[in-house]
């Protein structure tokens, strides 16, 4: 599947899902705390500078961030309390897809601009060794892998944000093959 068809499919899914989120935004609940902090959905280019990206391979991504496990009394300390997250990336061209979990730290640069970093682990369906029969998937060495990501985002309202994200999966030299996988994309987030 080419990137343009993948982009259209992803935007259609995003539009269909955002209709219910907009309705929920209109009837925002009272001060009852929630386990969920944010839901994110987007598209990414699969390893655009590597062999998995040949032909413009793309992914549909989704992520759920949970609320911080505890709160701090001051803003500075609160930046060092991460939010647990879990998510996944589904490749449209039957190349490497993965599910992941970890911790996310968000830092406000201005009231509307933020940066973010996360670390964790990921399980993938890619090849583990160079001699595996799946010729269209990257040899990543083993599973699970380490996953790191960084984002720059803009808050559009109290509930909606958009962000550019780079993520990297690697075994950090713990297995025989260590090519890694780097994806670049954009996401839309809805905060509860």
Protein backbone atom coordinates (compact mmCIF):
# COMPACT_ATOMS: atom_id res chain seq x y z
CA UNK A 1 0.00 0.00 0.00
CA UNK A 2 1.44 3.37 -0.95
CA UNK A 3 1.81 6.19 1.59
CA UNK A 4 -0.96 8.31 -0.02
CA UNK A 5 -3.56 5.53 0.38
CA UNK A 6 -2.27 4.81 3.87
CA UNK A 7 -2.56 8.50 4.77
CA UNK A 8 -6.13 8.64 3.48
CA UNK A 9 -7.11 5.52 5.41
CA UNK A 10 -5.49 6.81 8.59
CA UNK A 11 -7.17 10.21 8.31
CA UNK A 12 -10.56 8.53 7.74
CA UNK A 13 -10.12 6.44 10.88
CA UNK A 14 -8.96 9.52 12.80
CA UNK A 15 -12.00 11.52 11.64
CA UNK A 16 -14.42 8.75 12.59
CA UNK A 17 -12.85 8.39 16.05
CA UNK A 18 -12.67 12.12 16.70
CA UNK A 19 -16.45 12.55 16.30
CA UNK A 20 -17.10 10.73 19.58
CA UNK A 21 -14.20 12.53 21.26
CA UNK A 22 -15.62 15.92 20.25
CA UNK A 23 -18.97 14.94 21.77
CA UNK A 24 -17.18 13.90 24.97
CA UNK A 25 -15.31 17.23 24.96
CA UNK A 26 -18.62 19.11 24.84
CA UNK A 27 -19.94 17.34 27.94
CA UNK A 28 -16.72 17.31 29.97
CA UNK A 29 -17.28 15.45 33.23
CA UNK A 30 -17.02 17.03 36.65
CA UNK A 31 -14.02 16.79 38.96
CA UNK A 32 -13.96 12.98 39.11
CA UNK A 33 -10.34 11.79 38.65
CA UNK A 34 -9.65 9.45 35.76
CA UNK A 35 -7.12 6.68 35.25
CA UNK A 36 -6.76 7.80 31.61
CA UNK A 37 -4.83 10.96 30.88
CA UNK A 38 -4.66 11.13 27.07
CA UNK A 39 -5.39 9.21 23.86
CA UNK A 40 -3.24 9.72 20.76
CA UNK A 41 -3.57 8.56 17.18
CA UNK A 42 -1.51 9.29 14.09
CA UNK A 43 0.58 8.19 11.14
CA UNK A 44 4.29 7.60 10.78
CA UNK A 45 6.74 6.82 8.00
CA UNK A 46 8.35 3.43 8.63
CA UNK A 47 12.15 3.68 8.79
CA UNK A 48 12.32 6.33 6.01
CA UNK A 49 16.14 6.19 5.77
CA UNK A 50 16.44 2.40 6.08
CA UNK A 51 15.45 -0.76 4.20
CA UNK A 52 12.02 -1.07 5.88
CA UNK A 53 11.06 2.29 4.38
CA UNK A 54 11.63 1.27 0.76
CA UNK A 55 8.55 2.13 -1.28
CA UNK A 56 7.15 4.59 1.27
CA UNK A 57 5.90 2.21 3.94
CA UNK A 58 3.61 3.81 6.57
CA UNK A 59 2.15 2.98 10.00
CA UNK A 60 -1.05 3.72 11.89
CA UNK A 61 -0.13 4.50 15.51
CA UNK A 62 -2.17 4.64 18.69
CA UNK A 63 -1.17 5.38 22.26
CA UNK A 64 -2.87 5.70 25.65
CA UNK A 65 -1.24 7.66 28.45
CA UNK A 66 -2.37 6.99 32.01
CA UNK A 67 -2.59 9.63 34.72
CA UNK A 68 0.50 10.32 36.81
CA UNK A 69 0.61 7.84 39.72
CA UNK A 70 0.88 10.73 42.20
CA UNK A 71 1.01 14.51 42.06
CA UNK A 72 3.57 16.98 43.34
CA UNK A 73 2.79 20.21 45.17
CA UNK A 74 4.99 22.33 42.90
CA UNK A 75 5.21 22.58 39.11
CA UNK A 76 8.96 21.89 38.88
CA UNK A 77 8.75 18.59 40.77
CA UNK A 78 5.69 17.52 38.77
CA UNK A 79 7.76 17.54 35.57
CA UNK A 80 9.82 14.63 36.90
CA UNK A 81 6.81 12.40 37.55
CA UNK A 82 6.21 10.34 34.38
CA UNK A 83 2.95 9.11 32.92
CA UNK A 84 2.81 5.38 32.10
CA UNK A 85 1.86 4.67 28.49
CA UNK A 86 1.12 1.78 26.15
CA UNK A 87 0.48 1.71 22.44
CA UNK A 88 1.11 0.14 19.10
CA UNK A 89 2.17 0.72 15.52
CA UNK A 90 0.52 -1.22 12.69
CA UNK A 91 2.38 -1.24 9.37
CA UNK A 92 0.21 -1.01 6.23
CA UNK A 93 2.63 -3.03 4.05
CA UNK A 94 2.98 -6.16 6.20
CA UNK A 95 6.37 -5.04 7.45
CA UNK A 96 7.38 -4.74 11.11
CA UNK A 97 4.55 -3.83 13.50
CA UNK A 98 4.98 -3.57 17.27
CA UNK A 99 3.30 -3.02 20.64
CA UNK A 100 5.04 -1.03 23.37
CA UNK A 101 4.84 0.26 26.93
CA UNK A 102 6.92 2.65 29.02
CA UNK A 103 7.06 6.03 30.74
CA UNK A 104 6.55 9.54 29.29
CA UNK A 105 7.79 12.89 30.63
CA UNK A 106 6.15 16.09 29.31
CA UNK A 107 7.72 19.55 29.74
CA UNK A 108 5.91 22.80 28.95
CA UNK A 109 8.01 25.32 27.03
CA UNK A 110 5.14 27.84 26.83
CA UNK A 111 1.45 27.42 27.76
CA UNK A 112 0.78 25.96 24.31
CA UNK A 113 4.17 24.46 23.27
CA UNK A 114 5.57 21.30 24.90
CA UNK A 115 8.35 18.77 24.43
CA UNK A 116 8.27 15.18 25.51
CA UNK A 117 10.49 12.16 25.94
CA UNK A 118 9.70 8.53 26.63
CA UNK A 119 11.49 5.26 27.27
CA UNK A 120 10.27 1.70 27.48
CA UNK A 121 10.14 -1.61 25.67
CA UNK A 122 8.48 -3.03 22.56
CA UNK A 123 7.52 -6.45 21.20
CA UNK A 124 7.63 -6.74 17.40
CA UNK A 125 6.78 -9.15 14.59
CA UNK A 126 9.95 -8.40 12.59
CA UNK A 127 12.80 -10.77 11.93
CA UNK A 128 15.15 -11.71 14.72
CA UNK A 129 18.01 -13.09 12.60
CA UNK A 130 19.35 -12.33 9.12
CA UNK A 131 18.50 -15.82 7.85
CA UNK A 132 14.78 -15.71 8.79
CA UNK A 133 12.50 -16.36 5.78
CA UNK A 134 10.69 -12.98 6.03
CA UNK A 135 12.66 -11.08 3.40
CA UNK A 136 10.63 -7.84 3.63
CA UNK A 137 11.18 -7.25 7.36
CA UNK A 138 14.21 -5.77 9.09
CA UNK A 139 16.47 -8.11 11.15
CA UNK A 140 16.20 -6.49 14.59
CA UNK A 141 18.12 -9.12 16.59
CA UNK A 142 15.59 -10.09 19.26
CA UNK A 143 12.32 -9.22 20.93
CA UNK A 144 11.62 -7.34 23.14
CA UNK A 145 13.52 -4.20 22.14
CA UNK A 146 14.19 -0.89 23.85
CA UNK A 147 12.00 1.96 22.58
CA UNK A 148 12.76 5.67 22.91
CA UNK A 149 10.77 8.56 21.47
CA UNK A 150 10.78 12.33 21.42
CA UNK A 151 7.99 14.75 20.47
CA UNK A 152 7.39 18.45 19.98
CA UNK A 153 3.75 19.43 20.34
CA UNK A 154 1.28 22.29 20.32
CA UNK A 155 -1.87 22.44 22.47
CA UNK A 156 -4.77 23.62 20.30
CA UNK A 157 -7.21 23.77 23.24
CA UNK A 158 -7.54 22.41 26.77
CA UNK A 159 -8.21 18.96 25.30
CA UNK A 160 -6.64 18.78 21.81
CA UNK A 161 -2.99 18.78 20.76
CA UNK A 162 -0.87 17.89 17.72
CA UNK A 163 2.72 16.67 17.81
CA UNK A 164 5.62 15.59 15.62
CA UNK A 165 7.29 12.42 16.89
CA UNK A 166 10.46 10.43 16.25
CA UNK A 167 10.74 6.94 17.73
CA UNK A 168 13.58 4.42 17.69
CA UNK A 169 13.59 0.70 18.51
CA UNK A 170 16.86 -1.09 19.18
CA UNK A 171 18.27 -3.99 21.18
CA UNK A 172 21.19 -1.77 22.32
CA UNK A 173 23.73 -4.42 21.36
CA UNK A 174 22.18 -7.15 23.53
CA UNK A 175 21.55 -9.44 20.51
CA UNK A 176 23.48 -10.47 17.41
CA UNK A 177 21.86 -8.08 14.92
CA UNK A 178 21.24 -4.46 15.91
CA UNK A 179 20.09 -2.48 12.88
CA UNK A 180 17.25 -0.78 14.79
CA UNK A 181 14.10 0.79 13.44
CA UNK A 182 13.37 4.54 13.35
CA UNK A 183 9.92 5.97 12.53
CA UNK A 184 8.93 9.61 12.01
CA UNK A 185 5.35 10.84 12.19
CA UNK A 186 2.60 13.11 13.45
CA UNK A 187 -0.12 12.48 16.01
CA UNK A 188 -3.26 14.10 17.37
CA UNK A 189 -3.88 13.86 21.11
CA UNK A 190 -7.04 14.19 23.20
CA UNK A 191 -6.59 14.86 26.94
CA UNK A 192 -9.33 13.71 29.31
